[in-house]
Amino acid sequence: MTSFDDRRRSLEGQFVAEQDMLFRITARRNRLVAQWAAARMKLTPAETDAYAKAVVQADFEEAGDEDVIRKLLGDLTAAGIDIDEAEIRRALEEQMVEARRQLLESR
């Protein structure tokens, strides 16, 4: 019975580690996409930092990316930037790759 318990604990630990990494990658991606949007809105460095925090925080509203997409689309549109949801989704995908690369390199 101990080998079963050891295996279960090992798998649980692996699952926790994977979920933690996914959380870190998603948070980094959100920060990167916020910086991308801030550059398009021509925000100052201080405004960019605050905006990045707001976008990361927006991701906690609901599961999935819809809350982040809604925030980015609303903010960019309000700033007079001509953009659509597809372009934001592309930016999210590109920044997800970059976030994963950055975190794997930092290990």
PDB file of N, CA and C in Angstrom:
ATOM      1  N   MET A   1       0.814  -1.200   0.000  1.00  0.00           N
ATOM      2  CA  MET A   1       0.000   0.000   0.000  1.00  0.00           C
ATOM      3  C   MET A   1       0.863   1.272   0.000  1.00  0.00           C
ATOM      4  N   THR A   2       2.032   1.205   0.577  1.00  0.00           N
ATOM      5  CA  THR A   2       2.871   2.398   0.628  1.00  0.00           C
ATOM      6  C   THR A   2       3.327   2.844  -0.752  1.00  0.00           C
ATOM      7  N   SER A   3       3.632   1.913  -1.627  1.00  0.00           N
ATOM      8  CA  SER A   3       4.077   2.322  -2.960  1.00  0.00           C
ATOM      9  C   SER A   3       2.947   3.038  -3.708  1.00  0.00           C
ATOM     10  N   PHE A   4       1.707   2.609  -3.487  1.00  0.00           N
ATOM     11  CA  PHE A   4       0.575   3.307  -4.092  1.00  0.00           C
ATOM     12  C   PHE A   4       0.458   4.721  -3.537  1.00  0.00           C
ATOM     13  N   ASP A   5       0.589   4.861  -2.220  1.00  0.00           N
ATOM     14  CA  ASP A   5       0.514   6.186  -1.596  1.00  0.00           C
ATOM     15  C   ASP A   5       1.662   7.082  -2.064  1.00  0.00           C
ATOM     16  N   ASP A   6       2.846   6.506  -2.185  1.00  0.00           N
ATOM     17  CA  ASP A   6       3.994   7.282  -2.661  1.00  0.00           C
ATOM     18  C   ASP A   6       3.769   7.756  -4.093  1.00  0.00           C
ATOM     19  N   ARG A   7       3.247   6.874  -4.920  1.00  0.00           N
ATOM     20  CA  ARG A   7       2.977   7.242  -6.313  1.00  0.00           C
ATOM     21  C   ARG A   7       1.909   8.334  -6.383  1.00  0.00           C
ATOM     22  N   ARG A   8       0.865   8.206  -5.578  1.00  0.00           N
ATOM     23  CA  ARG A   8      -0.203   9.211  -5.549  1.00  0.00           C
ATOM     24  C   ARG A   8       0.357  10.566  -5.126  1.00  0.00           C
ATOM     25  N   ARG A   9       1.166  10.562  -4.068  1.00  0.00           N
ATOM     26  CA  ARG A   9       1.762  11.827  -3.601  1.00  0.00           C
ATOM     27  C   ARG A   9       2.671  12.429  -4.676  1.00  0.00           C
ATOM     28  N   SER A  10       3.407  11.583  -5.351  1.00  0.00           N
ATOM     29  CA  SER A  10       4.292  12.054  -6.416  1.00  0.00           C
ATOM     30  C   SER A  10       3.489  12.694  -7.546  1.00  0.00           C
ATOM     31  N   LEU A  11       2.415  12.036  -7.953  1.00  0.00           N
ATOM     32  CA  LEU A  11       1.575  12.587  -9.024  1.00  0.00           C
ATOM     33  C   LEU A  11       0.896  13.873  -8.582  1.00  0.00           C
ATOM     34  N   GLU A  12       0.461  13.927  -7.330  1.00  0.00           N
ATOM     35  CA  GLU A  12      -0.152  15.158  -6.819  1.00  0.00           C
ATOM     36  C   GLU A  12       0.861  16.295  -6.816  1.00  0.00           C
ATOM     37  N   GLY A  13       2.082  15.995  -6.405  1.00  0.00           N
ATOM     38  CA  GLY A  13       3.135  17.009  -6.408  1.00  0.00           C
ATOM     39  C   GLY A  13       3.442  17.500  -7.810  1.00  0.00           C
ATOM     40  N   GLN A  14       3.471  16.576  -8.754  1.00  0.00           N
ATOM     41  CA  GLN A  14       3.719  16.941 -10.148  1.00  0.00           C
ATOM     42  C   GLN A  14       2.588  17.818 -10.672  1.00  0.00           C
ATOM     43  N   PHE A  15       1.346  17.477 -10.343  1.00  0.00           N
ATOM     44  CA  PHE A  15       0.198  18.265 -10.776  1.00  0.00           C
ATOM     45  C   PHE A  15       0.269  19.677 -10.208  1.00  0.00           C
ATOM     46  N   VAL A  16       0.596  19.793  -8.935  1.00  0.00           N
ATOM     47  CA  VAL A  16       0.707  21.107  -8.295  1.00  0.00           C
ATOM     48  C   VAL A  16       1.796  21.935  -8.974  1.00  0.00           C
ATOM     49  N   ALA A  17       2.929  21.305  -9.260  1.00  0.00           N
ATOM     50  CA  ALA A  17       4.029  22.023  -9.916  1.00  0.00           C
ATOM     51  C   ALA A  17       3.624  22.495 -11.305  1.00  0.00           C
ATOM     52  N   GLU A  18       2.913  21.650 -12.058  1.00  0.00           N
ATOM     53  CA  GLU A  18       2.465  22.032 -13.395  1.00  0.00           C
ATOM     54  C   GLU A  18       1.461  23.176 -13.334  1.00  0.00           C
ATOM     55  N   GLN A  19       0.540  23.120 -12.379  1.00  0.00           N
ATOM     56  CA  GLN A  19      -0.443  24.184 -12.238  1.00  0.00           C
ATOM     57  C   GLN A  19       0.217  25.503 -11.835  1.00  0.00           C
ATOM     58  N   ASP A  20       1.212  25.418 -10.965  1.00  0.00           N
ATOM     59  CA  ASP A  20       1.949  26.614 -10.557  1.00  0.00           C
ATOM     60  C   ASP A  20       2.664  27.230 -11.757  1.00  0.00           C
ATOM     61  N   MET A  21       3.282  26.396 -12.574  1.00  0.00           N
ATOM     62  CA  MET A  21       3.984  26.900 -13.759  1.00  0.00           C
ATOM     63  C   MET A  21       3.000  27.526 -14.742  1.00  0.00           C
ATOM     64  N   LEU A  22       1.862  26.897 -14.949  1.00  0.00           N
ATOM     65  CA  LEU A  22       0.854  27.449 -15.846  1.00  0.00           C
ATOM     66  C   LEU A  22       0.361  28.803 -15.340  1.00  0.00           C
ATOM     67  N   PHE A  23       0.171  28.920 -14.034  1.00  0.00           N
ATOM     68  CA  PHE A  23      -0.249  30.193 -13.445  1.00  0.00           C
ATOM     69  C   PHE A  23       0.807  31.266 -13.700  1.00  0.00           C
ATOM     70  N   ARG A  24       2.057  30.919 -13.485  1.00  0.00           N
ATOM     71  CA  ARG A  24       3.150  31.885 -13.696  1.00  0.00           C
ATOM     72  C   ARG A  24       3.249  32.307 -15.164  1.00  0.00           C
ATOM     73  N   ILE A  25       3.108  31.344 -16.067  1.00  0.00           N
ATOM     74  CA  ILE A  25       3.172  31.656 -17.498  1.00  0.00           C
ATOM     75  C   ILE A  25       2.021  32.570 -17.887  1.00  0.00           C
ATOM     76  N   THR A  26       0.816  32.275 -17.406  1.00  0.00           N
ATOM     77  CA  THR A  26      -0.350  33.092 -17.746  1.00  0.00           C
ATOM     78  C   THR A  26      -0.215  34.503 -17.184  1.00  0.00           C
ATOM     79  N   ALA A  27       0.259  34.625 -15.956  1.00  0.00           N
ATOM     80  CA  ALA A  27       0.452  35.957 -15.364  1.00  0.00           C
ATOM     81  C   ALA A  27       1.500  36.741 -16.150  1.00  0.00           C
ATOM     82  N   ARG A  28       2.587  36.079 -16.542  1.00  0.00           N
ATOM     83  CA  ARG A  28       3.625  36.753 -17.340  1.00  0.00           C
ATOM     84  C   ARG A  28       3.066  37.150 -18.694  1.00  0.00           C
ATOM     85  N   ARG A  29       2.281  36.258 -19.311  1.00  0.00           N
ATOM     86  CA  ARG A  29       1.662  36.562 -20.599  1.00  0.00           C
ATOM     87  C   ARG A  29       0.767  37.791 -20.480  1.00  0.00           C
ATOM     88  N   ASN A  30      -0.023  37.859 -19.418  1.00  0.00           N
ATOM     89  CA  ASN A  30      -0.917  38.994 -19.224  1.00  0.00           C
ATOM     90  C   ASN A  30      -0.134  40.296 -19.060  1.00  0.00           C
ATOM     91  N   ARG A  31       0.980  40.224 -18.360  1.00  0.00           N
ATOM     92  CA  ARG A  31       1.825  41.414 -18.191  1.00  0.00           C
ATOM     93  C   ARG A  31       2.404  41.836 -19.552  1.00  0.00           C
ATOM     94  N   LEU A  32       2.864  40.872 -20.328  1.00  0.00           N
ATOM     95  CA  LEU A  32       3.440  41.182 -21.636  1.00  0.00           C
ATOM     96  C   LEU A  32       2.401  41.760 -22.594  1.00  0.00           C
ATOM     97  N   VAL A  33       1.211  41.184 -22.606  1.00  0.00           N
ATOM     98  CA  VAL A  33       0.177  41.694 -23.512  1.00  0.00           C
ATOM     99  C   VAL A  33      -0.298  43.071 -23.041  1.00  0.00           C
ATOM    100  N   ALA A  34      -0.270  43.306 -21.748  1.00  0.00           N
ATOM    101  CA  ALA A  34      -0.620  44.636 -21.236  1.00  0.00           C
ATOM    102  C   ALA A  34       0.412  45.664 -21.685  1.00  0.00           C
ATOM    103  N   GLN A  35       1.683  45.276 -21.695  1.00  0.00           N
ATOM    104  CA  GLN A  35       2.725  46.180 -22.177  1.00  0.00           C
ATOM    105  C   GLN A  35       2.561  46.453 -23.673  1.00  0.00           C
ATOM    106  N   TRP A  36       2.173  45.433 -24.416  1.00  0.00           N
ATOM    107  CA  TRP A  36       1.891  45.595 -25.849  1.00  0.00           C
ATOM    108  C   TRP A  36       0.752  46.599 -26.045  1.00  0.00           C
ATOM    109  N   ALA A  37      -0.333  46.431 -25.281  1.00  0.00           N
ATOM    110  CA  ALA A  37      -1.483  47.338 -25.394  1.00  0.00           C
ATOM    111  C   ALA A  37      -1.111  48.737 -24.936  1.00  0.00           C
ATOM    112  N   ALA A  38      -0.349  48.835 -23.864  1.00  0.00           N
ATOM    113  CA  ALA A  38       0.063  50.147 -23.346  1.00  0.00           C
ATOM    114  C   ALA A  38       0.894  50.906 -24.372  1.00  0.00           C
ATOM    115  N   ALA A  39       1.741  50.200 -25.089  1.00  0.00           N
ATOM    116  CA  ALA A  39       2.550  50.843 -26.136  1.00  0.00           C
ATOM    117  C   ALA A  39       1.641  51.381 -27.235  1.00  0.00           C
ATOM    118  N   ARG A  40       0.605  50.635 -27.579  1.00  0.00           N
ATOM    119  CA  ARG A  40      -0.334  51.099 -28.608  1.00  0.00           C
ATOM    120  C   ARG A  40      -1.118  52.313 -28.129  1.00  0.00           C
ATOM    121  N   MET A  41      -1.376  52.377 -26.807  1.00  0.00           N
ATOM    122  CA  MET A  41      -2.118  53.509 -26.240  1.00  0.00           C
ATOM    123  C   MET A  41      -1.192  54.664 -25.868  1.00  0.00           C
ATOM    124  N   LYS A  42       0.120  54.447 -26.079  1.00  0.00           N
ATOM    125  CA  LYS A  42       1.141  55.466 -25.781  1.00  0.00           C
ATOM    126  C   LYS A  42       1.126  55.891 -24.310  1.00  0.00           C
ATOM    127  N   LEU A  43       1.080  54.902 -23.415  1.00  0.00           N
ATOM    128  CA  LEU A  43       1.110  55.179 -21.982  1.00  0.00           C
ATOM    129  C   LEU A  43       2.542  55.419 -21.527  1.00  0.00           C
ATOM    130  N   THR A  44       2.686  56.176 -20.459  1.00  0.00           N
ATOM    131  CA  THR A  44       4.002  56.414 -19.874  1.00  0.00           C
ATOM    132  C   THR A  44       4.475  55.141 -19.171  1.00  0.00           C
ATOM    133  N   PRO A  45       5.755  55.058 -18.826  1.00  0.00           N
ATOM    134  CA  PRO A  45       6.227  53.868 -18.104  1.00  0.00           C
ATOM    135  C   PRO A  45       5.452  53.609 -16.798  1.00  0.00           C
ATOM    136  N   ALA A  46       5.166  54.652 -16.048  1.00  0.00           N
ATOM    137  CA  ALA A  46       4.406  54.479 -14.806  1.00  0.00           C
ATOM    138  C   ALA A  46       2.986  54.001 -15.102  1.00  0.00           C
ATOM    139  N   GLU A  47       2.368  54.584 -16.109  1.00  0.00           N
ATOM    140  CA  GLU A  47       1.019  54.158 -16.500  1.00  0.00           C
ATOM    141  C   GLU A  47       1.034  52.717 -17.011  1.00  0.00           C
ATOM    142  N   THR A  48       2.112  52.356 -17.718  1.00  0.00           N
ATOM    143  CA  THR A  48       2.239  50.987 -18.233  1.00  0.00           C
ATOM    144  C   THR A  48       2.316  49.987 -17.093  1.00  0.00           C
ATOM    145  N   ASP A  49       3.101  50.295 -16.054  1.00  0.00           N
ATOM    146  CA  ASP A  49       3.189  49.393 -14.894  1.00  0.00           C
ATOM    147  C   ASP A  49       1.831  49.223 -14.227  1.00  0.00           C
ATOM    148  N   ALA A  50       1.131  50.330 -14.013  1.00  0.00           N
ATOM    149  CA  ALA A  50      -0.189  50.265 -13.384  1.00  0.00           C
ATOM    150  C   ALA A  50      -1.167  49.496 -14.263  1.00  0.00           C
ATOM    151  N   TYR A  51      -1.084  49.720 -15.560  1.00  0.00           N
ATOM    152  CA  TYR A  51      -1.986  49.035 -16.482  1.00  0.00           C
ATOM    153  C   TYR A  51      -1.704  47.537 -16.496  1.00  0.00           C
ATOM    154  N   ALA A  52      -0.442  47.157 -16.483  1.00  0.00           N
ATOM    155  CA  ALA A  52      -0.086  45.734 -16.463  1.00  0.00           C
ATOM    156  C   ALA A  52      -0.648  45.059 -15.223  1.00  0.00           C
ATOM    157  N   LYS A  53      -0.563  45.711 -14.086  1.00  0.00           N
ATOM    158  CA  LYS A  53      -1.135  45.155 -12.850  1.00  0.00           C
ATOM    159  C   LYS A  53      -2.643  45.012 -12.973  1.00  0.00           C
ATOM    160  N   ALA A  54      -3.283  45.984 -13.597  1.00  0.00           N
ATOM    161  CA  ALA A  54      -4.742  45.929 -13.756  1.00  0.00           C
ATOM    162  C   ALA A  54      -5.157  44.782 -14.681  1.00  0.00           C
ATOM    163  N   VAL A  55      -4.381  44.538 -15.724  1.00  0.00           N
ATOM    164  CA  VAL A  55      -4.705  43.444 -16.641  1.00  0.00           C
ATOM    165  C   VAL A  55      -4.493  42.098 -15.950  1.00  0.00           C
ATOM    166  N   VAL A  56      -3.405  41.960 -15.211  1.00  0.00           N
ATOM    167  CA  VAL A  56      -3.174  40.719 -14.462  1.00  0.00           C
ATOM    168  C   VAL A  56      -4.322  40.491 -13.478  1.00  0.00           C
ATOM    169  N   GLN A  57      -4.738  41.544 -12.799  1.00  0.00           N
ATOM    170  CA  GLN A  57      -5.843  41.446 -11.834  1.00  0.00           C
ATOM    171  C   GLN A  57      -7.157  41.093 -12.532  1.00  0.00           C
ATOM    172  N   ALA A  58      -7.364  41.605 -13.716  1.00  0.00           N
ATOM    173  CA  ALA A  58      -8.606  41.332 -14.457  1.00  0.00           C
ATOM    174  C   ALA A  58      -8.761  39.852 -14.758  1.00  0.00           C
ATOM    175  N   ASP A  59      -7.644  39.139 -14.847  1.00  0.00           N
ATOM    176  CA  ASP A  59      -7.708  37.712 -15.168  1.00  0.00           C
ATOM    177  C   ASP A  59      -8.331  36.894 -14.040  1.00  0.00           C
ATOM    178  N   PHE A  60      -8.463  37.462 -12.864  1.00  0.00           N
ATOM    179  CA  PHE A  60      -9.052  36.742 -11.734  1.00  0.00           C
ATOM    180  C   PHE A  60     -10.567  36.853 -11.685  1.00  0.00           C
ATOM    181  N   GLU A  61     -11.170  37.593 -12.614  1.00  0.00           N
ATOM    182  CA  GLU A  61     -12.615  37.785 -12.606  1.00  0.00           C
ATOM    183  C   GLU A  61     -13.371  36.511 -12.959  1.00  0.00           C
ATOM    184  N   GLU A  62     -12.874  35.750 -13.922  1.00  0.00           N
ATOM    185  CA  GLU A  62     -13.529  34.507 -14.330  1.00  0.00           C
ATOM    186  C   GLU A  62     -12.494  33.581 -14.954  1.00  0.00           C
ATOM    187  N   ALA A  63     -12.840  32.322 -15.064  1.00  0.00           N
ATOM    188  CA  ALA A  63     -11.925  31.361 -15.667  1.00  0.00           C
ATOM    189  C   ALA A  63     -11.787  31.644 -17.162  1.00  0.00           C
ATOM    190  N   GLY A  64     -10.623  31.354 -17.699  1.00  0.00           N
ATOM    191  CA  GLY A  64     -10.394  31.565 -19.124  1.00  0.00           C
ATOM    192  C   GLY A  64      -9.861  32.951 -19.419  1.00  0.00           C
ATOM    193  N   ASP A  65      -9.764  33.243 -20.695  1.00  0.00           N
ATOM    194  CA  ASP A  65      -9.161  34.497 -21.153  1.00  0.00           C
ATOM    195  C   ASP A  65     -10.170  35.595 -21.466  1.00  0.00           C
ATOM    196  N   GLU A  66     -11.445  35.281 -21.409  1.00  0.00           N
ATOM    197  CA  GLU A  66     -12.462  36.251 -21.842  1.00  0.00           C
ATOM    198  C   GLU A  66     -12.417  37.547 -21.051  1.00  0.00           C
ATOM    199  N   ASP A  67     -12.123  37.477 -19.752  1.00  0.00           N
ATOM    200  CA  ASP A  67     -12.058  38.691 -18.943  1.00  0.00           C
ATOM    201  C   ASP A  67     -10.903  39.588 -19.377  1.00  0.00           C
ATOM    202  N   VAL A  68      -9.767  38.994 -19.709  1.00  0.00           N
ATOM    203  CA  VAL A  68      -8.609  39.761 -20.178  1.00  0.00           C
ATOM    204  C   VAL A  68      -8.897  40.362 -21.552  1.00  0.00           C
ATOM    205  N   ILE A  69      -9.472  39.560 -22.433  1.00  0.00           N
ATOM    206  CA  ILE A  69      -9.811  40.047 -23.774  1.00  0.00           C
ATOM    207  C   ILE A  69     -10.788  41.211 -23.688  1.00  0.00           C
ATOM    208  N   ARG A  70     -11.796  41.061 -22.845  1.00  0.00           N
ATOM    209  CA  ARG A  70     -12.789  42.125 -22.680  1.00  0.00           C
ATOM    210  C   ARG A  70     -12.132  43.420 -22.186  1.00  0.00           C
ATOM    211  N   LYS A  71     -11.225  43.304 -21.208  1.00  0.00           N
ATOM    212  CA  LYS A  71     -10.546  44.493 -20.680  1.00  0.00           C
ATOM    213  C   LYS A  71      -9.690  45.143 -21.758  1.00  0.00           C
ATOM    214  N   LEU A  72      -8.865  44.347 -22.431  1.00  0.00           N
ATOM    215  CA  LEU A  72      -7.985  44.908 -23.458  1.00  0.00           C
ATOM    216  C   LEU A  72      -8.785  45.545 -24.590  1.00  0.00           C
ATOM    217  N   LEU A  73      -9.798  44.853 -25.056  1.00  0.00           N
ATOM    218  CA  LEU A  73     -10.613  45.375 -26.151  1.00  0.00           C
ATOM    219  C   LEU A  73     -11.295  46.674 -25.732  1.00  0.00           C
ATOM    220  N   GLY A  74     -11.855  46.699 -24.543  1.00  0.00           N
ATOM    221  CA  GLY A  74     -12.522  47.907 -24.054  1.00  0.00           C
ATOM    222  C   GLY A  74     -11.563  49.074 -23.897  1.00  0.00           C
ATOM    223  N   ASP A  75     -10.407  48.821 -23.311  1.00  0.00           N
ATOM    224  CA  ASP A  75      -9.437  49.892 -23.076  1.00  0.00           C
ATOM    225  C   ASP A  75      -8.841  50.411 -24.385  1.00  0.00           C
ATOM    226  N   LEU A  76      -8.497  49.509 -25.285  1.00  0.00           N
ATOM    227  CA  LEU A  76      -7.928  49.942 -26.567  1.00  0.00           C
ATOM    228  C   LEU A  76      -8.958  50.703 -27.399  1.00  0.00           C
ATOM    229  N   THR A  77     -10.175  50.216 -27.403  1.00  0.00           N
ATOM    230  CA  THR A  77     -11.235  50.903 -28.149  1.00  0.00           C
ATOM    231  C   THR A  77     -11.495  52.278 -27.556  1.00  0.00           C
ATOM    232  N   ALA A  78     -11.539  52.354 -26.215  1.00  0.00           N
ATOM    233  CA  ALA A  78     -11.764  53.640 -25.541  1.00  0.00           C
ATOM    234  C   ALA A  78     -10.632  54.629 -25.838  1.00  0.00           C
ATOM    235  N   ALA A  79      -9.435  54.110 -26.092  1.00  0.00           N
ATOM    236  CA  ALA A  79      -8.298  54.971 -26.405  1.00  0.00           C
ATOM    237  C   ALA A  79      -8.252  55.353 -27.890  1.00  0.00           C
ATOM    238  N   GLY A  80      -9.260  54.910 -28.642  1.00  0.00           N
ATOM    239  CA  GLY A  80      -9.328  55.264 -30.053  1.00  0.00           C
ATOM    240  C   GLY A  80      -8.485  54.380 -30.961  1.00  0.00           C
ATOM    241  N   ILE A  81      -8.068  53.230 -30.458  1.00  0.00           N
ATOM    242  CA  ILE A  81      -7.270  52.300 -31.259  1.00  0.00           C
ATOM    243  C   ILE A  81      -8.222  51.390 -32.032  1.00  0.00           C
ATOM    244  N   ASP A  82      -8.018  51.296 -33.336  1.00  0.00           N
ATOM    245  CA  ASP A  82      -8.845  50.427 -34.171  1.00  0.00           C
ATOM    246  C   ASP A  82      -8.315  49.001 -34.054  1.00  0.00           C
ATOM    247  N   ILE A  83      -9.046  48.166 -33.336  1.00  0.00           N
ATOM    248  CA  ILE A  83      -8.596  46.800 -33.063  1.00  0.00           C
ATOM    249  C   ILE A  83      -9.810  45.899 -32.934  1.00  0.00           C
ATOM    250  N   ASP A  84      -9.619  44.623 -33.196  1.00  0.00           N
ATOM    251  CA  ASP A  84     -10.722  43.682 -33.016  1.00  0.00           C
ATOM    252  C   ASP A  84     -10.275  42.541 -32.103  1.00  0.00           C
ATOM    253  N   GLU A  85     -11.226  41.724 -31.733  1.00  0.00           N
ATOM    254  CA  GLU A  85     -10.960  40.632 -30.796  1.00  0.00           C
ATOM    255  C   GLU A  85      -9.935  39.644 -31.355  1.00  0.00           C
ATOM    256  N   ALA A  86      -9.974  39.393 -32.639  1.00  0.00           N
ATOM    257  CA  ALA A  86      -9.033  38.448 -33.259  1.00  0.00           C
ATOM    258  C   ALA A  86      -7.587  38.915 -33.097  1.00  0.00           C
ATOM    259  N   GLU A  87      -7.355  40.212 -33.243  1.00  0.00           N
ATOM    260  CA  GLU A  87      -5.997  40.737 -33.085  1.00  0.00           C
ATOM    261  C   GLU A  87      -5.525  40.595 -31.641  1.00  0.00           C
ATOM    262  N   ILE A  88      -6.430  40.799 -30.700  1.00  0.00           N
ATOM    263  CA  ILE A  88      -6.072  40.635 -29.287  1.00  0.00           C
ATOM    264  C   ILE A  88      -5.773  39.164 -28.995  1.00  0.00           C
ATOM    265  N   ARG A  89      -6.569  38.266 -29.544  1.00  0.00           N
ATOM    266  CA  ARG A  89      -6.317  36.834 -29.340  1.00  0.00           C
ATOM    267  C   ARG A  89      -4.954  36.429 -29.924  1.00  0.00           C
ATOM    268  N   ARG A  90      -4.612  36.985 -31.071  1.00  0.00           N
ATOM    269  CA  ARG A  90      -3.293  36.703 -31.667  1.00  0.00           C
ATOM    270  C   ARG A  90      -2.180  37.205 -30.746  1.00  0.00           C
ATOM    271  N   ALA A  91      -2.368  38.410 -30.211  1.00  0.00           N
ATOM    272  CA  ALA A  91      -1.366  38.967 -29.296  1.00  0.00           C
ATOM    273  C   ALA A  91      -1.232  38.088 -28.048  1.00  0.00           C
ATOM    274  N   LEU A  92      -2.350  37.587 -27.533  1.00  0.00           N
ATOM    275  CA  LEU A  92      -2.298  36.697 -26.377  1.00  0.00           C
ATOM    276  C   LEU A  92      -1.517  35.423 -26.697  1.00  0.00           C
ATOM    277  N   GLU A  93      -1.747  34.856 -27.864  1.00  0.00           N
ATOM    278  CA  GLU A  93      -1.032  33.638 -28.264  1.00  0.00           C
ATOM    279  C   GLU A  93       0.470  33.907 -28.394  1.00  0.00           C
ATOM    280  N   GLU A  94       0.812  35.015 -29.040  1.00  0.00           N
ATOM    281  CA  GLU A  94       2.223  35.354 -29.218  1.00  0.00           C
ATOM    282  C   GLU A  94       2.906  35.587 -27.875  1.00  0.00           C
ATOM    283  N   GLN A  95       2.227  36.289 -26.984  1.00  0.00           N
ATOM    284  CA  GLN A  95       2.818  36.587 -25.686  1.00  0.00           C
ATOM    285  C   GLN A  95       2.870  35.352 -24.784  1.00  0.00           C
ATOM    286  N   MET A  96       1.966  34.383 -25.015  1.00  0.00           N
ATOM    287  CA  MET A  96       2.018  33.127 -24.259  1.00  0.00           C
ATOM    288  C   MET A  96       3.305  32.382 -24.600  1.00  0.00           C
ATOM    289  N   VAL A  97       3.656  32.360 -25.873  1.00  0.00           N
ATOM    290  CA  VAL A  97       4.902  31.718 -26.306  1.00  0.00           C
ATOM    291  C   VAL A  97       6.096  32.430 -25.671  1.00  0.00           C
ATOM    292  N   GLU A  98       6.083  33.740 -25.714  1.00  0.00           N
ATOM    293  CA  GLU A  98       7.181  34.526 -25.140  1.00  0.00           C
ATOM    294  C   GLU A  98       7.269  34.327 -23.624  1.00  0.00           C
ATOM    295  N   ALA A  99       6.139  34.323 -22.946  1.00  0.00           N
ATOM    296  CA  ALA A  99       6.128  34.137 -21.489  1.00  0.00           C
ATOM    297  C   ALA A  99       6.696  32.771 -21.119  1.00  0.00           C
ATOM    298  N   ARG A 100       6.293  31.743 -21.851  1.00  0.00           N
ATOM    299  CA  ARG A 100       6.805  30.391 -21.593  1.00  0.00           C
ATOM    300  C   ARG A 100       8.320  30.359 -21.816  1.00  0.00           C
ATOM    301  N   ARG A 101       8.775  30.975 -22.904  1.00  0.00           N
ATOM    302  CA  ARG A 101      10.210  31.012 -23.193  1.00  0.00           C
ATOM    303  C   ARG A 101      10.972  31.707 -22.071  1.00  0.00           C
ATOM    304  N   GLN A 102      10.469  32.861 -21.628  1.00  0.00           N
ATOM    305  CA  GLN A 102      11.138  33.611 -20.574  1.00  0.00           C
ATOM    306  C   GLN A 102      11.226  32.811 -19.276  1.00  0.00           C
ATOM    307  N   LEU A 103      10.138  32.165 -18.904  1.00  0.00           N
ATOM    308  CA  LEU A 103      10.156  31.412 -17.653  1.00  0.00           C
ATOM    309  C   LEU A 103      11.038  30.175 -17.736  1.00  0.00           C
ATOM    310  N   LEU A 104      11.037  29.509 -18.869  1.00  0.00           N
ATOM    311  CA  LEU A 104      11.903  28.335 -19.009  1.00  0.00           C
ATOM    312  C   LEU A 104      13.379  28.728 -19.014  1.00  0.00           C
ATOM    313  N   GLU A 105      13.691  29.881 -19.599  1.00  0.00           N
ATOM    314  CA  GLU A 105      15.082  30.358 -19.600  1.00  0.00           C
ATOM    315  C   GLU A 105      15.537  30.775 -18.211  1.00  0.00           C
ATOM    316  N   SER A 106      14.601  31.252 -17.397  1.00  0.00           N
ATOM    317  CA  SER A 106      14.980  31.726 -16.062  1.00  0.00           C
ATOM    318  C   SER A 106      15.166  30.585 -15.077  1.00  0.00           C
ATOM    319  N   ARG A 107      14.816  29.381 -15.455  1.00  0.00           N
ATOM    320  CA  ARG A 107      14.958  28.223 -14.548  1.00  0.00           C
ATOM    321  C   ARG A 107      16.351  27.751 -14.444  1.00  0.00           C
TER     322      ARG A 107
END
